[in-house]
Every structure is written in C-alpha cells, then in structure tokens.
Amino acid sequence: MKENYIKAFFTGVFALISSMLGVLTIPVILMVACNVLDYATGLMASTYRSQDINSYKSIRGIMKKVCMWLLVVVGAVIDQLLLYASQTAGITLPFTFLVACIVAIWIICNEIISILENIKDMGVAIPGFLLPIVEHVKSQVEDKADINKDSEGE
C-alpha cells in the first residue's frame, strides 16, 4: 500500500514537471542528473587528486550547477521572446524551446566530459571512443549554433 503512494507521488511530480517544461523535460532531467553525477564523482576524485574537500569549494560547486540551470532559464526566456516577436509579426515558428534545448544539451555534454575526467582521475579505464563521441556531440551543438549566428549576421 505504501509503495502505491510513493509511485503516485513520483508520477505526480513527473507529470507536473512535464506539463510545465514540455519538450524541455528530458533535457532538464538529464542535465540535473549529470550535475549530480559530476558533483559526486568530483568529490570522489578529489581524494585521488590529493585535494581537500571543504564547504567553501563545495558551495562554489553547487552554485555553479545552479547557474547552469539559470542558463537554461535564460535560453527559455530568449525562446519566449522569439515566439512572441514572431507571433506579433504573423510568423509561426515550428519550435518552442530551441535555444533552451541547445543550452541544456551543451551543458549535458560538458558535464559528461567532466564525469569521464573524474572517473579517469580515479584510475578507472574508460573506453577510448567514449570521450571523443561526447566531444563530437558538443562540437556539433556549437557548430549548429554558430551557423545560425553566422547566417543572421549576413
């Protein structure tokens, strides 16, 4: 019986988040998960790097993660401004949160790279193809954003 309440609670929370974020739900959940994993692996790797763990460094790390979330919020604000401006001009755009998704994917790639570096610093062998794949995805996101920026400047 208690399990049903727990399932209902998590289902309700996910439904609420999904209804608020829409297409951003999966990138945001992945970003938060990567933030938590990066933070945890960073703490574990600090002992292998002969670094001390203190509350000041810990709080700074958490503040950086929160600022990453704020970058996605800024992307969502930009998306909403673009949608408003296009609707005012009578143009229908085929997307809702393009900029925010690009920002979230870029952050996820950075976090995965950091997680892999932390794991490598702990002496765990990582497959040689893994880091290049993530770096390639990150560069593709950056290239696509740069292409759009370059075409706007012409």
C-alpha atoms as a PDB file:
ATOM      1  CA  MET A   1       0.000   0.000   0.000  1.00  0.00           C
ATOM      2  CA  LYS A   2       2.801   2.386   0.914  1.00  0.00           C
ATOM      3  CA  GLU A   3       4.504   1.615  -2.416  1.00  0.00           C
ATOM      4  CA  ASN A   4       1.431   2.841  -4.294  1.00  0.00           C
ATOM      5  CA  TYR A   5       1.629   6.221  -2.542  1.00  0.00           C
ATOM      6  CA  ILE A   6       5.302   6.508  -3.412  1.00  0.00           C
ATOM      7  CA  LYS A   7       4.621   5.623  -7.050  1.00  0.00           C
ATOM      8  CA  ALA A   8       1.711   8.061  -7.178  1.00  0.00           C
ATOM      9  CA  PHE A   9       3.864  10.816  -5.669  1.00  0.00           C
ATOM     10  CA  PHE A  10       6.688  10.373  -8.191  1.00  0.00           C
ATOM     11  CA  THR A  11       4.234  10.056 -11.067  1.00  0.00           C
ATOM     12  CA  GLY A  12       2.528  13.271  -9.975  1.00  0.00           C
ATOM     13  CA  VAL A  13       5.830  15.121  -9.636  1.00  0.00           C
ATOM     14  CA  PHE A  14       6.998  13.957 -13.066  1.00  0.00           C
ATOM     15  CA  ALA A  15       3.635  14.871 -14.624  1.00  0.00           C
ATOM     16  CA  LEU A  16       3.821  18.345 -13.081  1.00  0.00           C
ATOM     17  CA  ILE A  17       7.383  18.886 -14.300  1.00  0.00           C
ATOM     18  CA  SER A  18       6.491  17.534 -17.734  1.00  0.00           C
ATOM     19  CA  SER A  19       3.433  19.780 -18.034  1.00  0.00           C
ATOM     20  CA  MET A  20       5.468  22.853 -17.080  1.00  0.00           C
ATOM     21  CA  LEU A  21       8.544  22.144 -19.217  1.00  0.00           C
ATOM     22  CA  GLY A  22       7.079  20.322 -22.197  1.00  0.00           C
ATOM     23  CA  VAL A  23       9.837  19.468 -24.680  1.00  0.00           C
ATOM     24  CA  LEU A  24      12.454  20.653 -22.163  1.00  0.00           C
ATOM     25  CA  THR A  25      11.541  17.912 -19.657  1.00  0.00           C
ATOM     26  CA  ILE A  26      14.021  15.259 -20.786  1.00  0.00           C
ATOM     27  CA  PRO A  27      16.988  17.622 -21.360  1.00  0.00           C
ATOM     28  CA  VAL A  28      16.427  19.261 -17.957  1.00  0.00           C
ATOM     29  CA  ILE A  29      16.143  15.925 -16.140  1.00  0.00           C
ATOM     30  CA  LEU A  30      19.282  14.660 -17.889  1.00  0.00           C
ATOM     31  CA  MET A  31      21.104  17.900 -17.053  1.00  0.00           C
ATOM     32  CA  VAL A  32      20.208  17.690 -13.360  1.00  0.00           C
ATOM     33  CA  ALA A  33      21.197  14.009 -13.278  1.00  0.00           C
ATOM     34  CA  CYS A  34      24.542  14.837 -14.907  1.00  0.00           C
ATOM     35  CA  ASN A  35      25.032  17.715 -12.440  1.00  0.00           C
ATOM     36  CA  VAL A  36      24.530  15.355  -9.512  1.00  0.00           C
ATOM     37  CA  LEU A  37      26.811  12.698 -11.024  1.00  0.00           C
ATOM     38  CA  ASP A  38      29.523  15.255 -11.796  1.00  0.00           C
ATOM     39  CA  TYR A  39      29.355  16.629  -8.269  1.00  0.00           C
ATOM     40  CA  ALA A  40      29.537  13.133  -6.751  1.00  0.00           C
ATOM     41  CA  THR A  41      32.377  11.936  -8.996  1.00  0.00           C
ATOM     42  CA  GLY A  42      34.217  15.207  -8.358  1.00  0.00           C
ATOM     43  CA  LEU A  43      34.053  14.582  -4.626  1.00  0.00           C
ATOM     44  CA  MET A  44      35.262  11.007  -5.086  1.00  0.00           C
ATOM     45  CA  ALA A  45      38.064  12.028  -7.468  1.00  0.00           C
ATOM     46  CA  SER A  46      39.325  14.779  -5.139  1.00  0.00           C
ATOM     47  CA  THR A  47      40.909  12.187  -2.857  1.00  0.00           C
ATOM     48  CA  TYR A  48      42.766  10.703  -5.837  1.00  0.00           C
ATOM     49  CA  ARG A  49      43.939  14.187  -6.822  1.00  0.00           C
ATOM     50  CA  SER A  50      45.165  14.870  -3.286  1.00  0.00           C
ATOM     51  CA  GLN A  51      42.704  17.736  -2.963  1.00  0.00           C
ATOM     52  CA  ASP A  52      40.984  18.599   0.250  1.00  0.00           C
ATOM     53  CA  ILE A  53      37.207  18.809   0.413  1.00  0.00           C
ATOM     54  CA  ASN A  54      35.846  21.820   2.256  1.00  0.00           C
ATOM     55  CA  SER A  55      32.487  23.510   2.498  1.00  0.00           C
ATOM     56  CA  TYR A  56      33.657  26.609   0.581  1.00  0.00           C
ATOM     57  CA  LYS A  57      34.638  24.599  -2.512  1.00  0.00           C
ATOM     58  CA  SER A  58      31.501  22.507  -2.154  1.00  0.00           C
ATOM     59  CA  ILE A  59      29.202  25.540  -2.037  1.00  0.00           C
ATOM     60  CA  ARG A  60      31.006  27.079  -5.029  1.00  0.00           C
ATOM     61  CA  GLY A  61      30.440  23.860  -6.985  1.00  0.00           C
ATOM     62  CA  ILE A  62      26.751  23.819  -6.112  1.00  0.00           C
ATOM     63  CA  MET A  63      26.412  27.498  -7.092  1.00  0.00           C
ATOM     64  CA  LYS A  64      27.987  26.689 -10.475  1.00  0.00           C
ATOM     65  CA  LYS A  65      25.436  23.941 -11.022  1.00  0.00           C
ATOM     66  CA  VAL A  66      22.570  26.298 -10.128  1.00  0.00           C
ATOM     67  CA  CYS A  67      23.978  28.869 -12.566  1.00  0.00           C
ATOM     68  CA  MET A  68      23.931  26.185 -15.266  1.00  0.00           C
ATOM     69  CA  TRP A  69      20.222  25.781 -14.607  1.00  0.00           C
ATOM     70  CA  LEU A  70      19.850  29.551 -14.897  1.00  0.00           C
ATOM     71  CA  LEU A  71      21.493  29.415 -18.333  1.00  0.00           C
ATOM     72  CA  VAL A  72      18.685  27.105 -19.469  1.00  0.00           C
ATOM     73  CA  VAL A  73      16.170  29.560 -17.994  1.00  0.00           C
ATOM     74  CA  VAL A  74      17.833  32.375 -19.968  1.00  0.00           C
ATOM     75  CA  GLY A  75      17.563  30.213 -23.100  1.00  0.00           C
ATOM     76  CA  ALA A  76      13.866  29.642 -22.378  1.00  0.00           C
ATOM     77  CA  VAL A  77      13.323  33.399 -21.933  1.00  0.00           C
ATOM     78  CA  ILE A  78      15.020  34.020 -25.286  1.00  0.00           C
ATOM     79  CA  ASP A  79      12.786  31.351 -26.842  1.00  0.00           C
ATOM     80  CA  GLN A  80       9.682  33.022 -25.453  1.00  0.00           C
ATOM     81  CA  LEU A  81      10.823  36.411 -26.770  1.00  0.00           C
ATOM     82  CA  LEU A  82      11.396  34.878 -30.214  1.00  0.00           C
ATOM     83  CA  LEU A  83       7.959  33.248 -30.152  1.00  0.00           C
ATOM     84  CA  TYR A  84       6.279  36.481 -29.063  1.00  0.00           C
ATOM     85  CA  ALA A  85       8.072  38.555 -31.702  1.00  0.00           C
ATOM     86  CA  SER A  86       7.330  36.046 -34.454  1.00  0.00           C
ATOM     87  CA  GLN A  87       3.660  35.755 -33.492  1.00  0.00           C
ATOM     88  CA  THR A  88       3.391  39.537 -33.422  1.00  0.00           C
ATOM     89  CA  ALA A  89       4.794  39.602 -36.961  1.00  0.00           C
ATOM     90  CA  GLY A  90       2.372  36.848 -38.036  1.00  0.00           C
ATOM     91  CA  ILE A  91       5.053  34.190 -38.382  1.00  0.00           C
ATOM     92  CA  THR A  92       4.570  30.723 -36.929  1.00  0.00           C
ATOM     93  CA  LEU A  93       7.776  29.117 -35.685  1.00  0.00           C
ATOM     94  CA  PRO A  94       7.973  25.302 -35.668  1.00  0.00           C
ATOM     95  CA  PHE A  95       9.622  25.124 -32.232  1.00  0.00           C
ATOM     96  CA  THR A  96       9.013  26.228 -28.664  1.00  0.00           C
ATOM     97  CA  PHE A  97      12.260  25.827 -26.700  1.00  0.00           C
ATOM     98  CA  LEU A  98      15.026  25.582 -29.301  1.00  0.00           C
ATOM     99  CA  VAL A  99      17.596  27.829 -27.571  1.00  0.00           C
ATOM    100  CA  ALA A 100      16.945  26.318 -24.138  1.00  0.00           C
ATOM    101  CA  CYS A 101      17.334  22.774 -25.532  1.00  0.00           C
ATOM    102  CA  ILE A 102      20.614  23.683 -27.235  1.00  0.00           C
ATOM    103  CA  VAL A 103      21.921  25.212 -23.995  1.00  0.00           C
ATOM    104  CA  ALA A 104      20.828  22.148 -21.993  1.00  0.00           C
ATOM    105  CA  ILE A 105      22.461  19.729 -24.450  1.00  0.00           C
ATOM    106  CA  TRP A 106      25.686  21.748 -24.391  1.00  0.00           C
ATOM    107  CA  ILE A 107      25.706  21.688 -20.578  1.00  0.00           C
ATOM    108  CA  ILE A 108      24.982  17.938 -20.547  1.00  0.00           C
ATOM    109  CA  CYS A 109      27.965  17.343 -22.857  1.00  0.00           C
ATOM    110  CA  ASN A 110      30.230  19.435 -20.604  1.00  0.00           C
ATOM    111  CA  GLU A 111      29.033  17.550 -17.542  1.00  0.00           C
ATOM    112  CA  ILE A 112      29.593  14.159 -19.199  1.00  0.00           C
ATOM    113  CA  ILE A 113      33.121  15.205 -20.192  1.00  0.00           C
ATOM    114  CA  SER A 114      33.772  16.268 -16.591  1.00  0.00           C
ATOM    115  CA  ILE A 115      32.320  12.994 -15.246  1.00  0.00           C
ATOM    116  CA  LEU A 116      34.587  10.993 -17.562  1.00  0.00           C
ATOM    117  CA  GLU A 117      37.615  13.049 -16.491  1.00  0.00           C
ATOM    118  CA  ASN A 118      36.739  12.473 -12.825  1.00  0.00           C
ATOM    119  CA  ILE A 119      36.389   8.736 -13.408  1.00  0.00           C
ATOM    120  CA  LYS A 120      39.678   8.675 -15.315  1.00  0.00           C
ATOM    121  CA  ASP A 121      41.404  10.516 -12.436  1.00  0.00           C
ATOM    122  CA  MET A 122      40.232   7.747 -10.108  1.00  0.00           C
ATOM    123  CA  GLY A 123      42.179   5.254 -12.205  1.00  0.00           C
ATOM    124  CA  VAL A 124      39.213   3.658 -13.929  1.00  0.00           C
ATOM    125  CA  ALA A 125      39.821   2.843 -17.577  1.00  0.00           C
ATOM    126  CA  ILE A 126      37.249   4.417 -19.854  1.00  0.00           C
ATOM    127  CA  PRO A 127      36.607   3.221 -23.417  1.00  0.00           C
ATOM    128  CA  GLY A 128      38.686   5.198 -25.886  1.00  0.00           C
ATOM    129  CA  PHE A 129      35.701   6.052 -28.055  1.00  0.00           C
ATOM    130  CA  LEU A 130      33.527   7.491 -25.276  1.00  0.00           C
ATOM    131  CA  LEU A 131      35.147  10.899 -24.751  1.00  0.00           C
ATOM    132  CA  PRO A 132      35.530  11.638 -28.498  1.00  0.00           C
ATOM    133  CA  ILE A 133      31.822  10.861 -29.043  1.00  0.00           C
ATOM    134  CA  VAL A 134      30.738  13.319 -26.349  1.00  0.00           C
ATOM    135  CA  GLU A 135      33.187  15.970 -27.596  1.00  0.00           C
ATOM    136  CA  HIS A 136      31.859  15.460 -31.126  1.00  0.00           C
ATOM    137  CA  VAL A 137      28.259  15.969 -29.999  1.00  0.00           C
ATOM    138  CA  LYS A 138      29.315  19.100 -28.110  1.00  0.00           C
ATOM    139  CA  SER A 139      31.152  20.474 -31.157  1.00  0.00           C
ATOM    140  CA  GLN A 140      28.118  19.721 -33.355  1.00  0.00           C
ATOM    141  CA  VAL A 141      25.883  21.690 -30.987  1.00  0.00           C
ATOM    142  CA  GLU A 142      28.373  24.564 -31.028  1.00  0.00           C
ATOM    143  CA  ASP A 143      28.736  24.399 -34.828  1.00  0.00           C
ATOM    144  CA  LYS A 144      24.972  24.442 -35.384  1.00  0.00           C
ATOM    145  CA  ALA A 145      24.621  27.445 -33.082  1.00  0.00           C
ATOM    146  CA  ASP A 146      27.500  29.209 -34.868  1.00  0.00           C
ATOM    147  CA  ILE A 147      25.996  28.506 -38.303  1.00  0.00           C
ATOM    148  CA  ASN A 148      22.732  30.107 -37.239  1.00  0.00           C
ATOM    149  CA  LYS A 149      24.648  33.052 -35.758  1.00  0.00           C
ATOM    150  CA  ASP A 150      26.691  33.494 -38.953  1.00  0.00           C
ATOM    151  CA  SER A 151      23.598  33.407 -41.164  1.00  0.00           C
ATOM    152  CA  GLU A 152      21.920  36.080 -39.033  1.00  0.00           C
ATOM    153  CA  GLY A 153      24.898  38.413 -39.455  1.00  0.00           C
ATOM    154  CA  GLU A 154      24.728  38.309 -43.276  1.00  0.00           C
END
